[in-house]
Amino acid sequence: MFTKKDVPRLKQDLTIQTNLLGTNLTLKTRWGVFSPRSIDDGTELFMKHLKIANDDKCLDLGCGYGPIGLTVAKFCPQTEVHMVDKDFVAVELSNINAKLNHIDNAQAYLSDAFLNVNKRNYFDQILSNVPAKIGREQLSIILYDAHNALRSGGRITFVTINGLRHFIKDNFKSVFGNYKKLKQGQKYTISQAIK
């Protein structure tokens, strides 16, 4: 149990030192954002199986404080990375973390899924660590919008808890006409479809 004396300390940003894709990052986080103390297991697994070309245009959907999008941007400096989240604190932290890590090819902005992503046939990759409690309706909206946002041959890659793997498989097949399981770990599955 915390007392009133703990509140000023709890309001201070937390700092994560991490290495993803062989890239060192310092990330500021706060209580209230997803996985504020460390990179979550799903993101760790996702980054081990991600393939990015140096000139890809990428969208990190539901970016949180930026571990996926910023790693991709730093690992491939010619890549253009858009990062979106519906949480203004997450967007603020992603942009703070981009500056902190001297990353100028990534930008975060506020968007409920694709609401403020005004791109059609633009992205080479859409990446997301999908929340466990995503609803059928929201997932359908996201996948059809993702289909519109991807260029022909573009890829959508999700990491989800294993309990959602069949749900994602069925929905990828329905919207994209294909599905590939890149990796299934103890708790998480990485799924991909191609437009």
N, C-alpha and C. Protein backbone atom coordinates (compact mmCIF):
# COMPACT_ATOMS: atom_id res chain seq x y z
N MET A 1 0.85 -1.19 0.00
CA MET A 1 0.00 0.00 0.00
C MET A 1 0.89 1.24 0.00
N PHE A 2 0.54 2.19 -0.85
CA PHE A 2 1.30 3.43 -0.92
C PHE A 2 0.65 4.48 -0.03
N THR A 3 1.48 5.38 0.46
CA THR A 3 0.97 6.49 1.26
C THR A 3 1.10 7.78 0.46
N LYS A 4 0.58 8.85 1.02
CA LYS A 4 0.63 10.16 0.35
C LYS A 4 2.07 10.57 0.07
N LYS A 5 2.99 10.16 0.94
CA LYS A 5 4.40 10.51 0.74
C LYS A 5 4.98 9.87 -0.50
N ASP A 6 4.41 8.75 -0.96
CA ASP A 6 4.91 8.04 -2.15
C ASP A 6 4.49 8.68 -3.46
N VAL A 7 3.45 9.50 -3.43
CA VAL A 7 2.87 10.04 -4.67
C VAL A 7 3.87 10.83 -5.52
N PRO A 8 4.66 11.76 -4.96
CA PRO A 8 5.62 12.47 -5.82
C PRO A 8 6.59 11.53 -6.55
N ARG A 9 7.04 10.48 -5.87
CA ARG A 9 7.93 9.51 -6.50
C ARG A 9 7.20 8.73 -7.59
N LEU A 10 5.95 8.35 -7.34
CA LEU A 10 5.17 7.59 -8.31
C LEU A 10 4.85 8.41 -9.57
N LYS A 11 4.84 9.73 -9.45
CA LYS A 11 4.57 10.60 -10.60
C LYS A 11 5.79 10.78 -11.50
N GLN A 12 6.95 10.39 -11.02
CA GLN A 12 8.16 10.54 -11.84
C GLN A 12 8.20 9.48 -12.93
N ASP A 13 8.75 9.87 -14.10
CA ASP A 13 8.90 8.91 -15.19
C ASP A 13 9.82 7.77 -14.77
N LEU A 14 9.51 6.59 -15.27
CA LEU A 14 10.36 5.42 -15.09
C LEU A 14 11.28 5.33 -16.31
N THR A 15 12.40 4.63 -16.19
CA THR A 15 13.33 4.48 -17.32
C THR A 15 13.63 3.01 -17.54
N ILE A 16 13.53 2.60 -18.80
CA ILE A 16 13.86 1.24 -19.21
C ILE A 16 15.08 1.32 -20.13
N GLN A 17 16.09 0.53 -19.84
CA GLN A 17 17.22 0.35 -20.76
C GLN A 17 17.00 -1.00 -21.43
N THR A 18 16.96 -1.02 -22.77
CA THR A 18 16.66 -2.27 -23.45
C THR A 18 17.50 -2.42 -24.72
N ASN A 19 17.55 -3.64 -25.21
CA ASN A 19 18.20 -3.92 -26.48
C ASN A 19 17.26 -4.80 -27.28
N LEU A 20 16.74 -4.25 -28.38
CA LEU A 20 15.84 -4.96 -29.28
C LEU A 20 16.42 -4.87 -30.68
N LEU A 21 16.44 -5.97 -31.41
CA LEU A 21 17.04 -6.03 -32.75
C LEU A 21 18.51 -5.59 -32.72
N GLY A 22 19.18 -5.83 -31.60
CA GLY A 22 20.57 -5.42 -31.47
C GLY A 22 20.74 -3.92 -31.31
N THR A 23 19.65 -3.24 -30.99
CA THR A 23 19.64 -1.79 -30.89
C THR A 23 19.39 -1.38 -29.44
N ASN A 24 20.28 -0.58 -28.88
CA ASN A 24 20.11 -0.08 -27.51
C ASN A 24 19.16 1.10 -27.49
N LEU A 25 18.22 1.08 -26.56
CA LEU A 25 17.27 2.17 -26.40
C LEU A 25 17.11 2.50 -24.93
N THR A 26 16.91 3.77 -24.64
CA THR A 26 16.51 4.24 -23.33
C THR A 26 15.08 4.74 -23.50
N LEU A 27 14.16 4.20 -22.74
CA LEU A 27 12.75 4.54 -22.89
C LEU A 27 12.17 5.05 -21.58
N LYS A 28 11.55 6.20 -21.65
CA LYS A 28 10.82 6.75 -20.51
C LYS A 28 9.40 6.21 -20.53
N THR A 29 8.90 5.80 -19.37
CA THR A 29 7.53 5.30 -19.25
C THR A 29 6.90 5.93 -18.01
N ARG A 30 5.62 5.69 -17.84
CA ARG A 30 4.90 6.18 -16.65
C ARG A 30 3.91 5.13 -16.21
N TRP A 31 3.55 5.18 -14.95
CA TRP A 31 2.46 4.33 -14.45
C TRP A 31 1.22 4.68 -15.24
N GLY A 32 0.46 3.68 -15.65
CA GLY A 32 -0.76 3.91 -16.41
C GLY A 32 -0.64 3.52 -17.87
N VAL A 33 0.60 3.45 -18.40
CA VAL A 33 0.78 2.95 -19.76
C VAL A 33 1.08 1.45 -19.67
N PHE A 34 0.93 0.76 -20.79
CA PHE A 34 1.14 -0.69 -20.81
C PHE A 34 2.59 -1.04 -20.53
N SER A 35 2.82 -1.97 -19.62
CA SER A 35 4.13 -2.51 -19.27
C SER A 35 5.16 -1.42 -18.95
N PRO A 36 4.92 -0.63 -17.92
CA PRO A 36 5.79 0.51 -17.64
C PRO A 36 7.16 0.17 -17.04
N ARG A 37 7.31 -1.03 -16.47
CA ARG A 37 8.58 -1.36 -15.81
C ARG A 37 9.59 -2.06 -16.71
N SER A 38 9.09 -2.75 -17.74
CA SER A 38 9.99 -3.50 -18.62
C SER A 38 9.28 -3.79 -19.94
N ILE A 39 10.06 -4.14 -20.94
CA ILE A 39 9.48 -4.55 -22.22
C ILE A 39 8.73 -5.85 -21.98
N ASP A 40 7.49 -5.93 -22.43
CA ASP A 40 6.67 -7.12 -22.19
C ASP A 40 7.15 -8.28 -23.06
N ASP A 41 6.81 -9.49 -22.65
CA ASP A 41 7.26 -10.71 -23.33
C ASP A 41 6.78 -10.78 -24.78
N GLY A 42 5.57 -10.29 -25.05
CA GLY A 42 5.06 -10.30 -26.42
C GLY A 42 5.90 -9.45 -27.35
N THR A 43 6.28 -8.25 -26.90
CA THR A 43 7.13 -7.38 -27.70
C THR A 43 8.51 -7.99 -27.89
N GLU A 44 9.06 -8.58 -26.84
CA GLU A 44 10.38 -9.24 -26.94
C GLU A 44 10.35 -10.32 -28.02
N LEU A 45 9.33 -11.18 -28.00
CA LEU A 45 9.21 -12.25 -28.99
C LEU A 45 9.01 -11.66 -30.39
N PHE A 46 8.14 -10.67 -30.49
CA PHE A 46 7.83 -10.01 -31.76
C PHE A 46 9.10 -9.49 -32.44
N MET A 47 9.92 -8.83 -31.67
CA MET A 47 11.12 -8.19 -32.24
C MET A 47 12.15 -9.22 -32.71
N LYS A 48 12.13 -10.41 -32.14
CA LYS A 48 13.07 -11.46 -32.56
C LYS A 48 12.71 -12.06 -33.92
N HIS A 49 11.47 -11.87 -34.35
CA HIS A 49 11.00 -12.51 -35.59
C HIS A 49 10.54 -11.50 -36.63
N LEU A 50 10.90 -10.24 -36.43
CA LEU A 50 10.48 -9.17 -37.34
C LEU A 50 11.52 -8.95 -38.42
N LYS A 51 11.08 -8.83 -39.65
CA LYS A 51 11.97 -8.54 -40.78
C LYS A 51 11.54 -7.22 -41.39
N ILE A 52 12.45 -6.26 -41.43
CA ILE A 52 12.17 -4.92 -41.95
C ILE A 52 13.21 -4.59 -43.02
N ALA A 53 12.75 -4.04 -44.13
CA ALA A 53 13.67 -3.53 -45.15
C ALA A 53 13.98 -2.07 -44.80
N ASN A 54 15.17 -1.62 -45.16
CA ASN A 54 15.62 -0.29 -44.75
C ASN A 54 14.77 0.85 -45.30
N ASP A 55 14.06 0.62 -46.39
CA ASP A 55 13.25 1.71 -46.96
C ASP A 55 11.75 1.49 -46.75
N ASP A 56 11.36 0.57 -45.87
CA ASP A 56 9.94 0.34 -45.61
C ASP A 56 9.30 1.56 -44.97
N LYS A 57 8.04 1.75 -45.29
CA LYS A 57 7.20 2.72 -44.57
C LYS A 57 6.36 1.88 -43.61
N CYS A 58 6.52 2.16 -42.31
CA CYS A 58 5.90 1.31 -41.29
C CYS A 58 4.93 2.09 -40.42
N LEU A 59 3.90 1.39 -39.96
CA LEU A 59 2.97 1.94 -39.00
C LEU A 59 2.97 1.04 -37.77
N ASP A 60 3.26 1.63 -36.61
CA ASP A 60 3.18 0.95 -35.32
C ASP A 60 1.83 1.32 -34.73
N LEU A 61 0.91 0.39 -34.74
CA LEU A 61 -0.48 0.62 -34.34
C LEU A 61 -0.63 0.30 -32.86
N GLY A 62 -1.02 1.30 -32.06
CA GLY A 62 -1.10 1.13 -30.61
C GLY A 62 0.30 1.11 -30.03
N CYS A 63 1.06 2.17 -30.31
CA CYS A 63 2.51 2.19 -30.07
C CYS A 63 2.93 2.22 -28.61
N GLY A 64 2.03 2.59 -27.69
CA GLY A 64 2.46 2.73 -26.31
C GLY A 64 3.58 3.77 -26.21
N TYR A 65 4.59 3.50 -25.41
CA TYR A 65 5.69 4.45 -25.28
C TYR A 65 6.74 4.27 -26.37
N GLY A 66 6.50 3.37 -27.34
CA GLY A 66 7.31 3.33 -28.55
C GLY A 66 8.33 2.22 -28.74
N PRO A 67 8.34 1.14 -27.97
CA PRO A 67 9.43 0.17 -28.14
C PRO A 67 9.51 -0.44 -29.53
N ILE A 68 8.38 -0.75 -30.15
CA ILE A 68 8.41 -1.39 -31.48
C ILE A 68 8.80 -0.37 -32.55
N GLY A 69 8.04 0.69 -32.65
CA GLY A 69 8.29 1.69 -33.69
C GLY A 69 9.66 2.33 -33.61
N LEU A 70 10.11 2.66 -32.41
CA LEU A 70 11.41 3.31 -32.26
C LEU A 70 12.56 2.35 -32.53
N THR A 71 12.39 1.08 -32.18
CA THR A 71 13.42 0.09 -32.51
C THR A 71 13.56 -0.04 -34.02
N VAL A 72 12.43 -0.16 -34.70
CA VAL A 72 12.44 -0.27 -36.17
C VAL A 72 13.10 0.96 -36.79
N ALA A 73 12.74 2.14 -36.30
CA ALA A 73 13.30 3.38 -36.84
C ALA A 73 14.80 3.48 -36.62
N LYS A 74 15.26 3.07 -35.46
CA LYS A 74 16.70 3.15 -35.17
C LYS A 74 17.48 2.05 -35.91
N PHE A 75 16.89 0.87 -36.02
CA PHE A 75 17.53 -0.26 -36.69
C PHE A 75 17.65 -0.01 -38.20
N CYS A 76 16.66 0.65 -38.77
CA CYS A 76 16.64 0.96 -40.22
C CYS A 76 16.47 2.46 -40.38
N PRO A 77 17.56 3.23 -40.39
CA PRO A 77 17.46 4.68 -40.38
C PRO A 77 16.81 5.29 -41.63
N GLN A 78 16.69 4.53 -42.73
CA GLN A 78 16.01 5.06 -43.93
C GLN A 78 14.50 4.81 -43.87
N THR A 79 14.06 4.04 -42.89
CA THR A 79 12.64 3.71 -42.75
C THR A 79 11.86 4.92 -42.26
N GLU A 80 10.64 5.05 -42.75
CA GLU A 80 9.71 6.07 -42.26
C GLU A 80 8.73 5.36 -41.34
N VAL A 81 8.68 5.78 -40.07
CA VAL A 81 7.84 5.09 -39.09
C VAL A 81 6.80 6.05 -38.53
N HIS A 82 5.55 5.65 -38.69
CA HIS A 82 4.43 6.35 -38.06
C HIS A 82 4.04 5.52 -36.85
N MET A 83 3.79 6.19 -35.73
CA MET A 83 3.37 5.50 -34.51
C MET A 83 2.08 6.17 -34.03
N VAL A 84 1.06 5.36 -33.80
CA VAL A 84 -0.21 5.93 -33.35
C VAL A 84 -0.71 5.20 -32.11
N ASP A 85 -1.42 5.95 -31.29
CA ASP A 85 -2.05 5.41 -30.09
C ASP A 85 -3.22 6.31 -29.75
N LYS A 86 -4.25 5.75 -29.10
CA LYS A 86 -5.38 6.58 -28.68
C LYS A 86 -5.16 7.22 -27.31
N ASP A 87 -4.05 6.90 -26.68
CA ASP A 87 -3.69 7.44 -25.36
C ASP A 87 -2.69 8.58 -25.55
N PHE A 88 -3.08 9.79 -25.15
CA PHE A 88 -2.21 10.94 -25.38
C PHE A 88 -0.90 10.84 -24.58
N VAL A 89 -0.91 10.16 -23.44
CA VAL A 89 0.32 9.98 -22.66
C VAL A 89 1.29 9.08 -23.43
N ALA A 90 0.77 8.02 -24.04
CA ALA A 90 1.62 7.13 -24.83
C ALA A 90 2.25 7.89 -26.00
N VAL A 91 1.46 8.70 -26.69
CA VAL A 91 1.98 9.49 -27.82
C VAL A 91 3.06 10.45 -27.34
N GLU A 92 2.80 11.13 -26.23
CA GLU A 92 3.79 12.05 -25.67
C GLU A 92 5.09 11.32 -25.33
N LEU A 93 4.97 10.16 -24.68
CA LEU A 93 6.17 9.39 -24.31
C LEU A 93 6.92 8.89 -25.54
N SER A 94 6.20 8.45 -26.57
CA SER A 94 6.87 7.99 -27.80
C SER A 94 7.69 9.11 -28.43
N ASN A 95 7.12 10.31 -28.47
CA ASN A 95 7.86 11.43 -29.06
C ASN A 95 9.03 11.87 -28.17
N ILE A 96 8.86 11.81 -26.86
CA ILE A 96 9.97 12.07 -25.92
C ILE A 96 11.07 11.04 -26.15
N ASN A 97 10.69 9.78 -26.28
CA ASN A 97 11.68 8.71 -26.45
C ASN A 97 12.38 8.78 -27.80
N ALA A 98 11.69 9.27 -28.83
CA ALA A 98 12.34 9.47 -30.13
C ALA A 98 13.47 10.50 -29.99
N LYS A 99 13.18 11.61 -29.31
CA LYS A 99 14.22 12.65 -29.09
C LYS A 99 15.34 12.13 -28.22
N LEU A 100 14.98 11.44 -27.15
CA LEU A 100 15.97 10.91 -26.21
C LEU A 100 16.96 9.97 -26.89
N ASN A 101 16.49 9.23 -27.90
CA ASN A 101 17.33 8.26 -28.59
C ASN A 101 17.84 8.77 -29.95
N HIS A 102 17.66 10.07 -30.19
CA HIS A 102 18.14 10.73 -31.42
C HIS A 102 17.59 10.05 -32.68
N ILE A 103 16.29 9.78 -32.65
CA ILE A 103 15.60 9.14 -33.78
C ILE A 103 14.74 10.20 -34.46
N ASP A 104 15.05 10.50 -35.71
CA ASP A 104 14.28 11.54 -36.41
C ASP A 104 13.44 11.00 -37.57
N ASN A 105 13.39 9.69 -37.74
CA ASN A 105 12.59 9.10 -38.81
C ASN A 105 11.33 8.41 -38.27
N ALA A 106 10.92 8.78 -37.06
CA ALA A 106 9.70 8.24 -36.45
C ALA A 106 8.94 9.37 -35.78
N GLN A 107 7.63 9.33 -35.93
CA GLN A 107 6.79 10.33 -35.28
C GLN A 107 5.54 9.66 -34.75
N ALA A 108 5.13 10.03 -33.54
CA ALA A 108 3.91 9.50 -32.93
C ALA A 108 2.82 10.57 -32.98
N TYR A 109 1.61 10.10 -33.24
CA TYR A 109 0.48 11.02 -33.20
C TYR A 109 -0.77 10.30 -32.70
N LEU A 110 -1.69 11.11 -32.19
CA LEU A 110 -2.90 10.59 -31.58
C LEU A 110 -3.86 10.09 -32.65
N SER A 111 -4.30 8.85 -32.52
CA SER A 111 -5.27 8.29 -33.45
C SER A 111 -5.89 7.06 -32.82
N ASP A 112 -7.21 6.98 -32.87
CA ASP A 112 -7.91 5.77 -32.46
C ASP A 112 -7.86 4.83 -33.65
N ALA A 113 -6.93 3.89 -33.60
CA ALA A 113 -6.62 3.00 -34.73
C ALA A 113 -6.28 3.88 -35.95
N PHE A 114 -7.03 3.78 -37.04
CA PHE A 114 -6.67 4.49 -38.27
C PHE A 114 -7.40 5.81 -38.44
N LEU A 115 -8.11 6.27 -37.42
CA LEU A 115 -8.94 7.46 -37.55
C LEU A 115 -8.18 8.67 -38.09
N ASN A 116 -6.96 8.89 -37.63
CA ASN A 116 -6.15 10.03 -38.09
C ASN A 116 -4.99 9.62 -38.98
N VAL A 117 -5.02 8.39 -39.48
CA VAL A 117 -3.97 7.92 -40.40
C VAL A 117 -4.53 8.09 -41.81
N ASN A 118 -4.16 9.18 -42.45
CA ASN A 118 -4.73 9.52 -43.76
C ASN A 118 -3.86 8.99 -44.89
N LYS A 119 -3.65 7.71 -44.91
CA LYS A 119 -2.79 7.09 -45.91
C LYS A 119 -3.53 5.92 -46.54
N ARG A 120 -3.53 5.86 -47.87
CA ARG A 120 -4.08 4.73 -48.60
C ARG A 120 -2.99 4.14 -49.47
N ASN A 121 -2.90 2.81 -49.49
CA ASN A 121 -1.89 2.13 -50.32
C ASN A 121 -0.49 2.71 -50.07
N TYR A 122 -0.16 2.93 -48.82
CA TYR A 122 1.06 3.66 -48.46
C TYR A 122 2.09 2.82 -47.72
N PHE A 123 1.65 2.06 -46.73
CA PHE A 123 2.58 1.39 -45.83
C PHE A 123 3.05 0.05 -46.38
N ASP A 124 4.33 -0.25 -46.14
CA ASP A 124 4.88 -1.57 -46.45
C ASP A 124 4.59 -2.55 -45.33
N GLN A 125 4.53 -2.01 -44.09
CA GLN A 125 4.30 -2.87 -42.93
C GLN A 125 3.42 -2.16 -41.91
N ILE A 126 2.51 -2.93 -41.35
CA ILE A 126 1.73 -2.48 -40.19
C ILE A 126 2.02 -3.48 -39.08
N LEU A 127 2.46 -2.95 -37.95
CA LEU A 127 2.92 -3.77 -36.83
C LEU A 127 2.09 -3.44 -35.60
N SER A 128 1.78 -4.46 -34.80
CA SER A 128 1.05 -4.18 -33.57
C SER A 128 1.18 -5.30 -32.55
N ASN A 129 1.33 -4.90 -31.30
CA ASN A 129 1.18 -5.78 -30.16
C ASN A 129 -0.27 -5.57 -29.72
N VAL A 130 -1.14 -6.45 -30.15
CA VAL A 130 -2.59 -6.26 -30.03
C VAL A 130 -3.05 -6.51 -28.59
N PRO A 131 -3.85 -5.58 -28.03
CA PRO A 131 -4.36 -5.78 -26.67
C PRO A 131 -5.20 -7.05 -26.57
N ALA A 132 -5.11 -7.72 -25.44
CA ALA A 132 -5.83 -8.98 -25.24
C ALA A 132 -7.35 -8.78 -25.28
N LYS A 133 -7.83 -7.61 -24.94
CA LYS A 133 -9.27 -7.40 -24.83
C LYS A 133 -9.87 -6.71 -26.06
N ILE A 134 -9.21 -6.84 -27.22
CA ILE A 134 -9.76 -6.24 -28.43
C ILE A 134 -11.07 -6.94 -28.78
N GLY A 135 -12.06 -6.18 -29.15
CA GLY A 135 -13.36 -6.76 -29.50
C GLY A 135 -13.42 -7.09 -30.99
N ARG A 136 -14.39 -7.94 -31.34
CA ARG A 136 -14.57 -8.33 -32.74
C ARG A 136 -14.82 -7.13 -33.65
N GLU A 137 -15.65 -6.22 -33.17
CA GLU A 137 -16.00 -5.05 -33.98
C GLU A 137 -14.76 -4.20 -34.24
N GLN A 138 -14.01 -3.90 -33.19
CA GLN A 138 -12.81 -3.07 -33.33
C GLN A 138 -11.78 -3.74 -34.22
N LEU A 139 -11.60 -5.05 -34.06
CA LEU A 139 -10.64 -5.76 -34.90
C LEU A 139 -11.05 -5.71 -36.37
N SER A 140 -12.33 -5.87 -36.66
CA SER A 140 -12.80 -5.79 -38.04
C SER A 140 -12.51 -4.43 -38.64
N ILE A 141 -12.80 -3.37 -37.90
CA ILE A 141 -12.51 -2.01 -38.37
C ILE A 141 -11.03 -1.87 -38.66
N ILE A 142 -10.19 -2.31 -37.72
CA ILE A 142 -8.74 -2.18 -37.86
C ILE A 142 -8.24 -2.94 -39.09
N LEU A 143 -8.69 -4.17 -39.27
CA LEU A 143 -8.17 -4.97 -40.38
C LEU A 143 -8.58 -4.44 -41.74
N TYR A 144 -9.82 -3.99 -41.89
CA TYR A 144 -10.23 -3.42 -43.19
C TYR A 144 -9.52 -2.10 -43.45
N ASP A 145 -9.33 -1.28 -42.41
CA ASP A 145 -8.56 -0.05 -42.57
C ASP A 145 -7.10 -0.35 -42.89
N ALA A 146 -6.56 -1.38 -42.26
CA ALA A 146 -5.17 -1.77 -42.53
C ALA A 146 -5.02 -2.22 -43.98
N HIS A 147 -6.00 -2.96 -44.47
CA HIS A 147 -5.97 -3.41 -45.87
C HIS A 147 -5.90 -2.21 -46.81
N ASN A 148 -6.68 -1.18 -46.51
CA ASN A 148 -6.65 0.04 -47.33
C ASN A 148 -5.33 0.78 -47.22
N ALA A 149 -4.72 0.75 -46.04
CA ALA A 149 -3.50 1.52 -45.80
C ALA A 149 -2.25 0.85 -46.36
N LEU A 150 -2.29 -0.47 -46.55
CA LEU A 150 -1.12 -1.19 -47.06
C LEU A 150 -1.03 -1.10 -48.58
N ARG A 151 0.18 -0.97 -49.06
CA ARG A 151 0.39 -1.06 -50.51
C ARG A 151 0.28 -2.53 -50.91
N SER A 152 0.14 -2.80 -52.18
CA SER A 152 0.09 -4.18 -52.66
C SER A 152 1.40 -4.88 -52.29
N GLY A 153 1.30 -6.05 -51.70
CA GLY A 153 2.48 -6.77 -51.24
C GLY A 153 2.91 -6.40 -49.83
N GLY A 154 2.24 -5.42 -49.23
CA GLY A 154 2.54 -5.00 -47.86
C GLY A 154 2.11 -6.06 -46.86
N ARG A 155 2.70 -6.01 -45.66
CA ARG A 155 2.45 -7.03 -44.64
C ARG A 155 1.88 -6.42 -43.36
N ILE A 156 0.97 -7.15 -42.77
CA ILE A 156 0.47 -6.82 -41.44
C ILE A 156 0.96 -7.92 -40.51
N THR A 157 1.58 -7.52 -39.40
CA THR A 157 2.13 -8.49 -38.46
C THR A 157 1.67 -8.12 -37.06
N PHE A 158 1.03 -9.07 -36.41
CA PHE A 158 0.50 -8.87 -35.06
C PHE A 158 1.16 -9.87 -34.11
N VAL A 159 1.38 -9.44 -32.88
CA VAL A 159 1.67 -10.37 -31.80
C VAL A 159 0.48 -10.30 -30.86
N THR A 160 -0.02 -11.48 -30.46
CA THR A 160 -1.18 -11.56 -29.58
C THR A 160 -0.95 -12.65 -28.54
N ILE A 161 -1.75 -12.62 -27.49
CA ILE A 161 -1.73 -13.74 -26.56
C ILE A 161 -2.22 -14.97 -27.33
N ASN A 162 -1.76 -16.14 -26.92
CA ASN A 162 -2.12 -17.37 -27.63
C ASN A 162 -3.63 -17.60 -27.72
N GLY A 163 -4.35 -17.13 -26.74
CA GLY A 163 -5.80 -17.30 -26.74
C GLY A 163 -6.50 -16.62 -27.92
N LEU A 164 -5.84 -15.66 -28.56
CA LEU A 164 -6.42 -14.96 -29.71
C LEU A 164 -5.94 -15.49 -31.05
N ARG A 165 -5.06 -16.49 -31.06
CA ARG A 165 -4.41 -16.88 -32.31
C ARG A 165 -5.39 -17.37 -33.37
N HIS A 166 -6.41 -18.14 -32.98
CA HIS A 166 -7.38 -18.63 -33.97
C HIS A 166 -8.29 -17.50 -34.45
N PHE A 167 -8.62 -16.60 -33.55
CA PHE A 167 -9.42 -15.42 -33.88
C PHE A 167 -8.68 -14.57 -34.92
N ILE A 168 -7.40 -14.33 -34.69
CA ILE A 168 -6.59 -13.55 -35.63
C ILE A 168 -6.44 -14.29 -36.95
N LYS A 169 -6.17 -15.59 -36.88
CA LYS A 169 -6.04 -16.40 -38.09
C LYS A 169 -7.29 -16.30 -38.96
N ASP A 170 -8.46 -16.50 -38.37
CA ASP A 170 -9.71 -16.44 -39.12
C ASP A 170 -9.94 -15.06 -39.72
N ASN A 171 -9.64 -14.02 -38.96
CA ASN A 171 -9.86 -12.66 -39.44
C ASN A 171 -8.85 -12.24 -40.50
N PHE A 172 -7.59 -12.65 -40.37
CA PHE A 172 -6.60 -12.38 -41.42
C PHE A 172 -7.03 -13.06 -42.72
N LYS A 173 -7.46 -14.32 -42.63
CA LYS A 173 -7.90 -15.04 -43.83
C LYS A 173 -9.12 -14.36 -44.46
N SER A 174 -10.03 -13.90 -43.63
CA SER A 174 -11.25 -13.26 -44.13
C SER A 174 -10.94 -11.95 -44.85
N VAL A 175 -10.07 -11.12 -44.29
CA VAL A 175 -9.80 -9.80 -44.86
C VAL A 175 -8.70 -9.84 -45.92
N PHE A 176 -7.63 -10.58 -45.65
CA PHE A 176 -6.46 -10.57 -46.55
C PHE A 176 -6.39 -11.80 -47.46
N GLY A 177 -7.17 -12.83 -47.14
CA GLY A 177 -7.16 -14.04 -47.95
C GLY A 177 -5.99 -14.95 -47.67
N ASN A 178 -5.20 -14.65 -46.65
CA ASN A 178 -4.05 -15.48 -46.30
C ASN A 178 -3.67 -15.26 -44.85
N TYR A 179 -2.86 -16.17 -44.33
CA TYR A 179 -2.40 -16.12 -42.94
C TYR A 179 -1.15 -16.96 -42.82
N LYS A 180 -0.19 -16.45 -42.04
CA LYS A 180 1.00 -17.23 -41.74
C LYS A 180 1.34 -17.04 -40.26
N LYS A 181 1.56 -18.17 -39.58
CA LYS A 181 2.03 -18.09 -38.19
C LYS A 181 3.54 -18.05 -38.23
N LEU A 182 4.12 -16.92 -37.79
CA LEU A 182 5.58 -16.78 -37.81
C LEU A 182 6.22 -17.48 -36.63
N LYS A 183 5.54 -17.43 -35.47
CA LYS A 183 6.11 -18.05 -34.27
C LYS A 183 5.01 -18.16 -33.22
N GLN A 184 5.02 -19.27 -32.52
CA GLN A 184 4.15 -19.41 -31.35
C GLN A 184 5.03 -19.78 -30.17
N GLY A 185 5.01 -18.93 -29.17
CA GLY A 185 5.75 -19.20 -27.94
C GLY A 185 4.81 -19.74 -26.89
N GLN A 186 5.27 -19.75 -25.65
CA GLN A 186 4.44 -20.27 -24.56
C GLN A 186 3.20 -19.43 -24.33
N LYS A 187 3.34 -18.10 -24.48
CA LYS A 187 2.22 -17.20 -24.17
C LYS A 187 1.73 -16.40 -25.38
N TYR A 188 2.58 -16.23 -26.40
CA TYR A 188 2.26 -15.32 -27.49
C TYR A 188 2.44 -15.96 -28.86
N THR A 189 1.66 -15.46 -29.83
CA THR A 189 1.75 -15.91 -31.21
C THR A 189 1.97 -14.70 -32.12
N ILE A 190 2.87 -14.86 -33.09
CA ILE A 190 3.10 -13.82 -34.09
C ILE A 190 2.42 -14.26 -35.37
N SER A 191 1.50 -13.45 -35.87
CA SER A 191 0.71 -13.76 -37.06
C SER A 191 0.96 -12.71 -38.12
N GLN A 192 0.91 -13.15 -39.40
CA GLN A 192 1.17 -12.22 -40.50
C GLN A 192 0.24 -12.52 -41.67
N ALA A 193 -0.13 -11.47 -42.39
CA ALA A 193 -0.85 -11.60 -43.64
C ALA A 193 -0.26 -10.60 -44.62
N ILE A 194 -0.44 -10.89 -45.90
CA ILE A 194 0.10 -10.05 -46.98
C ILE A 194 -1.05 -9.58 -47.85
N LYS A 195 -1.02 -8.30 -48.22
CA LYS A 195 -2.04 -7.76 -49.11
C LYS A 195 -1.75 -8.15 -50.55
